[in-house]
Amino acid sequence: MIAEIDKDDAVVLMDDKEEDKKVEEAKVVESAQVQGRQAESQAKIYKIDMDHANKVLNMQEDETEPAKVKKVVDVVTTAKLITEVVTATSETVTTASAIIPTTEPQVPAATLTAALARVAVAPSRK
């Protein structure tokens, strides 16, 4: 009978331990929330920008991006120019190497007849 009572005490003690853990966890969560609110309220009071560090880091990243973009644009522009030159050159070579058969045009020959024209000029005195 005493052994049975001790068994019940052990079960009750386990429940008490679980409740104590839950209470401690609730206190930790509550204190974290209070600290978070406290930091936010202090930031509002002193007009502190909590995201300032992130903004500065983003600005630094933004400064490196235009240089990379400029390099990419330069490479693409150069590639386009090379492509245009190669295309134009290959068209010229293809045109120059094409064999064009020549045929004599069949145009009726025109006969020119010259007619003498008489011009009458009044004599001039000097």
N, C-alpha and C. Protein backbone atom coordinates (compact mmCIF):
# COMPACT_ATOMS: atom_id res chain seq x y z
N MET A 1 0.81 -1.18 0.00
CA MET A 1 0.00 0.00 0.00
C MET A 1 0.86 1.26 0.00
N ILE A 2 1.93 1.24 0.75
CA ILE A 2 2.84 2.39 0.77
C ILE A 2 3.52 2.52 -0.59
N ALA A 3 3.80 1.42 -1.19
CA ALA A 3 4.42 1.44 -2.51
C ALA A 3 3.48 2.07 -3.53
N GLU A 4 2.18 1.80 -3.39
CA GLU A 4 1.21 2.39 -4.30
C GLU A 4 1.11 3.90 -4.10
N ILE A 5 1.20 4.36 -2.89
CA ILE A 5 1.15 5.80 -2.61
C ILE A 5 2.39 6.48 -3.20
N ASP A 6 3.53 5.83 -3.05
CA ASP A 6 4.76 6.39 -3.61
C ASP A 6 4.66 6.47 -5.14
N LYS A 7 4.03 5.50 -5.76
CA LYS A 7 3.85 5.54 -7.21
C LYS A 7 3.03 6.76 -7.60
N ASP A 8 1.98 7.03 -6.85
CA ASP A 8 1.14 8.18 -7.15
C ASP A 8 1.91 9.48 -6.96
N ASP A 9 2.76 9.53 -5.94
CA ASP A 9 3.56 10.74 -5.72
C ASP A 9 4.50 10.98 -6.90
N ALA A 10 5.05 9.92 -7.44
CA ALA A 10 5.96 10.07 -8.57
C ALA A 10 5.23 10.63 -9.78
N VAL A 11 4.01 10.16 -9.98
CA VAL A 11 3.22 10.64 -11.11
C VAL A 11 2.89 12.11 -10.90
N VAL A 12 2.53 12.48 -9.71
CA VAL A 12 2.20 13.87 -9.41
C VAL A 12 3.44 14.73 -9.57
N LEU A 13 4.56 14.24 -9.14
CA LEU A 13 5.79 15.00 -9.28
C LEU A 13 6.13 15.23 -10.75
N MET A 14 5.91 14.25 -11.60
CA MET A 14 6.17 14.41 -13.03
C MET A 14 5.26 15.49 -13.61
N ASP A 15 3.99 15.48 -13.19
CA ASP A 15 3.07 16.50 -13.66
C ASP A 15 3.51 17.88 -13.19
N ASP A 16 3.97 17.95 -11.95
CA ASP A 16 4.45 19.23 -11.44
C ASP A 16 5.66 19.71 -12.23
N LYS A 17 6.54 18.78 -12.59
CA LYS A 17 7.72 19.15 -13.38
C LYS A 17 7.31 19.67 -14.75
N GLU A 18 6.34 19.01 -15.37
CA GLU A 18 5.88 19.46 -16.68
C GLU A 18 5.24 20.83 -16.58
N GLU A 19 4.46 21.04 -15.53
CA GLU A 19 3.84 22.36 -15.34
C GLU A 19 4.91 23.41 -15.11
N ASP A 20 5.93 23.06 -14.33
CA ASP A 20 7.02 24.01 -14.09
C ASP A 20 7.73 24.36 -15.39
N LYS A 21 7.94 23.37 -16.25
CA LYS A 21 8.59 23.63 -17.54
C LYS A 21 7.73 24.55 -18.40
N LYS A 22 6.42 24.30 -18.41
CA LYS A 22 5.52 25.14 -19.20
C LYS A 22 5.52 26.57 -18.68
N VAL A 23 5.53 26.71 -17.36
CA VAL A 23 5.55 28.05 -16.77
C VAL A 23 6.85 28.76 -17.12
N GLU A 24 7.96 28.04 -17.04
CA GLU A 24 9.26 28.64 -17.38
C GLU A 24 9.30 29.04 -18.86
N GLU A 25 8.79 28.17 -19.73
CA GLU A 25 8.77 28.49 -21.16
C GLU A 25 7.89 29.71 -21.42
N ALA A 26 6.77 29.79 -20.73
CA ALA A 26 5.89 30.95 -20.90
C ALA A 26 6.59 32.22 -20.44
N LYS A 27 7.35 32.12 -19.35
CA LYS A 27 8.08 33.29 -18.85
C LYS A 27 9.15 33.72 -19.86
N VAL A 28 9.83 32.76 -20.44
CA VAL A 28 10.88 33.07 -21.42
C VAL A 28 10.26 33.74 -22.64
N VAL A 29 9.16 33.20 -23.13
CA VAL A 29 8.49 33.79 -24.29
C VAL A 29 7.99 35.18 -23.95
N GLU A 30 7.41 35.32 -22.76
CA GLU A 30 6.89 36.63 -22.33
C GLU A 30 8.02 37.65 -22.20
N SER A 31 9.15 37.23 -21.63
CA SER A 31 10.26 38.17 -21.48
C SER A 31 10.84 38.55 -22.84
N ALA A 32 10.86 37.62 -23.78
CA ALA A 32 11.35 37.94 -25.12
C ALA A 32 10.42 38.94 -25.79
N GLN A 33 9.11 38.75 -25.61
CA GLN A 33 8.15 39.69 -26.18
C GLN A 33 8.29 41.07 -25.54
N VAL A 34 8.48 41.09 -24.23
CA VAL A 34 8.64 42.36 -23.53
C VAL A 34 9.91 43.05 -24.01
N GLN A 35 10.98 42.29 -24.15
CA GLN A 35 12.24 42.89 -24.63
C GLN A 35 12.08 43.42 -26.04
N GLY A 36 11.38 42.69 -26.89
CA GLY A 36 11.15 43.16 -28.25
C GLY A 36 10.35 44.43 -28.27
N ARG A 37 9.29 44.47 -27.46
CA ARG A 37 8.47 45.69 -27.37
C ARG A 37 9.29 46.83 -26.80
N GLN A 38 10.12 46.50 -25.83
CA GLN A 38 10.94 47.53 -25.20
C GLN A 38 11.92 48.13 -26.22
N ALA A 39 12.53 47.28 -27.03
CA ALA A 39 13.45 47.78 -28.04
C ALA A 39 12.71 48.63 -29.06
N GLU A 40 11.52 48.18 -29.46
CA GLU A 40 10.73 48.97 -30.41
C GLU A 40 10.32 50.31 -29.82
N SER A 41 9.89 50.30 -28.57
CA SER A 41 9.47 51.56 -27.96
C SER A 41 10.65 52.50 -27.78
N GLN A 42 11.82 51.97 -27.42
CA GLN A 42 13.00 52.82 -27.31
C GLN A 42 13.40 53.38 -28.67
N ALA A 43 13.28 52.58 -29.70
CA ALA A 43 13.60 53.07 -31.04
C ALA A 43 12.67 54.20 -31.44
N LYS A 44 11.40 54.09 -31.08
CA LYS A 44 10.46 55.17 -31.38
C LYS A 44 10.78 56.42 -30.56
N ILE A 45 11.08 56.23 -29.29
CA ILE A 45 11.36 57.38 -28.42
C ILE A 45 12.59 58.13 -28.91
N TYR A 46 13.66 57.41 -29.19
CA TYR A 46 14.93 58.05 -29.58
C TYR A 46 15.07 58.22 -31.09
N LYS A 47 14.01 57.86 -31.83
CA LYS A 47 14.00 57.98 -33.30
C LYS A 47 15.18 57.26 -33.94
N ILE A 48 15.33 56.02 -33.54
CA ILE A 48 16.41 55.18 -34.06
C ILE A 48 15.84 54.31 -35.18
N ASP A 49 16.57 54.26 -36.27
CA ASP A 49 16.18 53.40 -37.38
C ASP A 49 16.80 52.03 -37.16
N MET A 50 15.97 51.05 -36.81
CA MET A 50 16.48 49.72 -36.50
C MET A 50 17.01 49.00 -37.74
N ASP A 51 16.55 49.39 -38.92
CA ASP A 51 16.98 48.74 -40.16
C ASP A 51 18.13 49.48 -40.83
N HIS A 52 18.76 50.40 -40.13
CA HIS A 52 19.82 51.21 -40.75
C HIS A 52 20.96 50.34 -41.29
N ALA A 53 21.39 49.38 -40.52
CA ALA A 53 22.51 48.53 -40.96
C ALA A 53 22.14 47.77 -42.23
N ASN A 54 20.92 47.25 -42.29
CA ASN A 54 20.49 46.54 -43.50
C ASN A 54 20.43 47.47 -44.70
N LYS A 55 19.97 48.69 -44.48
CA LYS A 55 19.89 49.66 -45.58
C LYS A 55 21.28 50.00 -46.09
N VAL A 56 22.23 50.19 -45.19
CA VAL A 56 23.60 50.51 -45.60
C VAL A 56 24.19 49.36 -46.40
N LEU A 57 23.97 48.13 -45.94
CA LEU A 57 24.49 46.98 -46.66
C LEU A 57 23.85 46.87 -48.04
N ASN A 58 22.56 47.14 -48.13
CA ASN A 58 21.88 47.10 -49.43
C ASN A 58 22.42 48.17 -50.35
N MET A 59 22.72 49.35 -49.81
CA MET A 59 23.27 50.42 -50.64
C MET A 59 24.64 50.02 -51.19
N GLN A 60 25.45 49.35 -50.37
CA GLN A 60 26.76 48.92 -50.84
C GLN A 60 26.61 47.87 -51.93
N GLU A 61 25.65 46.99 -51.80
CA GLU A 61 25.42 45.99 -52.83
C GLU A 61 24.95 46.65 -54.12
N ASP A 62 24.12 47.69 -53.99
CA ASP A 62 23.61 48.39 -55.17
C ASP A 62 24.73 49.10 -55.92
N GLU A 63 25.75 49.57 -55.22
CA GLU A 63 26.86 50.25 -55.88
C GLU A 63 27.68 49.30 -56.74
N THR A 64 27.78 48.06 -56.33
CA THR A 64 28.56 47.10 -57.11
C THR A 64 27.77 46.59 -58.31
N GLU A 65 26.47 46.61 -58.23
CA GLU A 65 25.64 46.11 -59.33
C GLU A 65 25.82 46.90 -60.62
N PRO A 66 25.79 48.25 -60.61
CA PRO A 66 25.93 48.98 -61.88
C PRO A 66 27.24 48.66 -62.60
N ALA A 67 28.32 48.46 -61.87
CA ALA A 67 29.59 48.12 -62.51
C ALA A 67 29.47 46.77 -63.23
N LYS A 68 28.84 45.82 -62.58
CA LYS A 68 28.65 44.50 -63.21
C LYS A 68 27.73 44.61 -64.42
N VAL A 69 26.67 45.39 -64.26
CA VAL A 69 25.72 45.56 -65.37
C VAL A 69 26.41 46.25 -66.54
N LYS A 70 27.24 47.26 -66.25
CA LYS A 70 27.95 47.98 -67.31
C LYS A 70 28.87 47.02 -68.07
N LYS A 71 29.58 46.16 -67.34
CA LYS A 71 30.46 45.20 -68.00
C LYS A 71 29.66 44.26 -68.91
N VAL A 72 28.54 43.79 -68.43
CA VAL A 72 27.72 42.89 -69.23
C VAL A 72 27.21 43.60 -70.48
N VAL A 73 26.77 44.86 -70.32
CA VAL A 73 26.29 45.63 -71.47
C VAL A 73 27.40 45.82 -72.49
N ASP A 74 28.62 46.12 -72.01
CA ASP A 74 29.75 46.29 -72.92
C ASP A 74 30.04 45.00 -73.69
N VAL A 75 30.01 43.88 -73.00
CA VAL A 75 30.28 42.60 -73.65
C VAL A 75 29.21 42.29 -74.69
N VAL A 76 27.96 42.53 -74.35
CA VAL A 76 26.87 42.25 -75.29
C VAL A 76 26.97 43.17 -76.50
N THR A 77 27.27 44.45 -76.26
CA THR A 77 27.40 45.40 -77.37
C THR A 77 28.54 44.99 -78.29
N THR A 78 29.67 44.61 -77.72
CA THR A 78 30.81 44.16 -78.52
C THR A 78 30.44 42.91 -79.32
N ALA A 79 29.75 41.99 -78.70
CA ALA A 79 29.34 40.76 -79.41
C ALA A 79 28.41 41.09 -80.57
N LYS A 80 27.50 42.04 -80.36
CA LYS A 80 26.59 42.43 -81.45
C LYS A 80 27.36 43.06 -82.60
N LEU A 81 28.33 43.93 -82.28
CA LEU A 81 29.14 44.56 -83.33
C LEU A 81 29.92 43.53 -84.12
N ILE A 82 30.53 42.58 -83.41
CA ILE A 82 31.30 41.53 -84.09
C ILE A 82 30.38 40.72 -84.99
N THR A 83 29.20 40.40 -84.50
CA THR A 83 28.24 39.64 -85.31
C THR A 83 27.85 40.41 -86.56
N GLU A 84 27.61 41.72 -86.43
CA GLU A 84 27.25 42.53 -87.60
C GLU A 84 28.38 42.57 -88.62
N VAL A 85 29.62 42.75 -88.14
CA VAL A 85 30.76 42.81 -89.06
C VAL A 85 30.94 41.48 -89.77
N VAL A 86 30.86 40.39 -89.04
CA VAL A 86 31.03 39.07 -89.65
C VAL A 86 29.91 38.81 -90.65
N THR A 87 28.69 39.19 -90.31
CA THR A 87 27.57 38.99 -91.22
C THR A 87 27.75 39.81 -92.49
N ALA A 88 28.12 41.08 -92.33
CA ALA A 88 28.32 41.95 -93.50
C ALA A 88 29.46 41.44 -94.37
N THR A 89 30.54 40.98 -93.76
CA THR A 89 31.68 40.47 -94.51
C THR A 89 31.31 39.20 -95.26
N SER A 90 30.59 38.32 -94.62
CA SER A 90 30.22 37.07 -95.30
C SER A 90 29.26 37.34 -96.45
N GLU A 91 28.40 38.34 -96.33
CA GLU A 91 27.51 38.69 -97.44
C GLU A 91 28.32 39.24 -98.61
N THR A 92 29.33 40.07 -98.32
CA THR A 92 30.17 40.63 -99.37
C THR A 92 30.93 39.53 -100.08
N VAL A 93 31.50 38.62 -99.35
CA VAL A 93 32.25 37.52 -99.94
C VAL A 93 31.32 36.65 -100.78
N THR A 94 30.15 36.39 -100.30
CA THR A 94 29.19 35.58 -101.04
C THR A 94 28.80 36.28 -102.33
N THR A 95 28.59 37.58 -102.27
CA THR A 95 28.20 38.34 -103.45
C THR A 95 29.35 38.38 -104.45
N ALA A 96 30.56 38.54 -103.99
CA ALA A 96 31.70 38.62 -104.89
C ALA A 96 31.98 37.29 -105.56
N SER A 97 31.72 36.20 -104.89
CA SER A 97 32.03 34.91 -105.47
C SER A 97 30.89 34.36 -106.33
N ALA A 98 29.80 35.04 -106.41
CA ALA A 98 28.70 34.56 -107.23
C ALA A 98 29.04 34.73 -108.71
N ILE A 99 28.76 33.72 -109.50
CA ILE A 99 29.03 33.78 -110.94
C ILE A 99 27.79 34.35 -111.62
N ILE A 100 28.01 35.45 -112.31
CA ILE A 100 26.90 36.09 -112.99
C ILE A 100 27.09 35.86 -114.49
N PRO A 101 26.20 35.13 -115.10
CA PRO A 101 26.35 34.89 -116.54
C PRO A 101 26.05 36.19 -117.30
N THR A 102 26.86 36.44 -118.31
CA THR A 102 26.66 37.66 -119.09
C THR A 102 26.00 37.30 -120.40
N THR A 103 25.05 38.06 -120.77
CA THR A 103 24.40 37.89 -122.07
C THR A 103 24.36 39.26 -122.72
N GLU A 104 24.45 39.22 -124.00
CA GLU A 104 24.43 40.50 -124.69
C GLU A 104 23.00 40.99 -124.76
N PRO A 105 22.81 42.23 -124.42
CA PRO A 105 21.46 42.75 -124.48
C PRO A 105 21.00 42.89 -125.93
N GLN A 106 19.79 42.61 -126.16
CA GLN A 106 19.25 42.70 -127.51
C GLN A 106 18.44 43.99 -127.61
N VAL A 107 19.19 45.05 -127.82
CA VAL A 107 18.57 46.36 -127.97
C VAL A 107 18.71 46.75 -129.42
N PRO A 108 17.63 47.18 -130.06
CA PRO A 108 17.75 47.57 -131.47
C PRO A 108 18.68 48.77 -131.60
N ALA A 109 19.54 48.70 -132.55
CA ALA A 109 20.50 49.78 -132.76
C ALA A 109 19.77 50.99 -133.32
N ALA A 110 20.09 52.10 -132.77
CA ALA A 110 19.46 53.34 -133.25
C ALA A 110 20.40 53.99 -134.27
N THR A 111 19.83 54.45 -135.36
CA THR A 111 20.65 55.11 -136.36
C THR A 111 20.53 56.60 -136.15
N LEU A 112 21.68 57.18 -136.07
CA LEU A 112 21.70 58.62 -135.87
C LEU A 112 21.92 59.30 -137.22
N THR A 113 21.10 60.22 -137.49
CA THR A 113 21.28 61.01 -138.71
C THR A 113 21.43 62.44 -138.30
N ALA A 114 22.46 63.00 -138.77
CA ALA A 114 22.71 64.40 -138.42
C ALA A 114 22.17 65.28 -139.52
N ALA A 115 21.45 66.25 -139.17
CA ALA A 115 20.91 67.20 -140.14
C ALA A 115 21.59 68.53 -139.92
N LEU A 116 21.95 69.12 -141.02
CA LEU A 116 22.59 70.42 -140.92
C LEU A 116 21.52 71.47 -140.69
N ALA A 117 21.80 72.32 -139.77
CA ALA A 117 20.86 73.39 -139.47
C ALA A 117 21.46 74.70 -139.89
N ARG A 118 20.64 75.54 -140.52
CA ARG A 118 21.12 76.85 -140.93
C ARG A 118 20.68 77.86 -139.91
N VAL A 119 21.63 78.65 -139.53
CA VAL A 119 21.35 79.69 -138.56
C VAL A 119 21.67 81.02 -139.21
N ALA A 120 20.74 81.94 -139.11
CA ALA A 120 20.96 83.27 -139.68
C ALA A 120 21.33 84.21 -138.56
N VAL A 121 22.46 84.90 -138.75
CA VAL A 121 22.94 85.82 -137.74
C VAL A 121 23.08 87.19 -138.37
N ALA A 122 22.63 88.19 -137.69
CA ALA A 122 22.75 89.56 -138.19
C ALA A 122 24.17 90.04 -138.00
N PRO A 123 24.72 90.76 -138.99
CA PRO A 123 26.09 91.24 -138.84
C PRO A 123 26.18 92.28 -137.73
N SER A 124 27.25 92.26 -137.03
CA SER A 124 27.43 93.22 -135.95
C SER A 124 28.56 94.16 -136.28
N ARG A 125 28.46 95.42 -135.86
CA ARG A 125 29.47 96.41 -136.14
C ARG A 125 30.24 96.69 -134.89
N LYS A 126 31.48 96.92 -135.15
CA LYS A 126 32.31 97.30 -134.04
C LYS A 126 32.77 98.68 -134.16
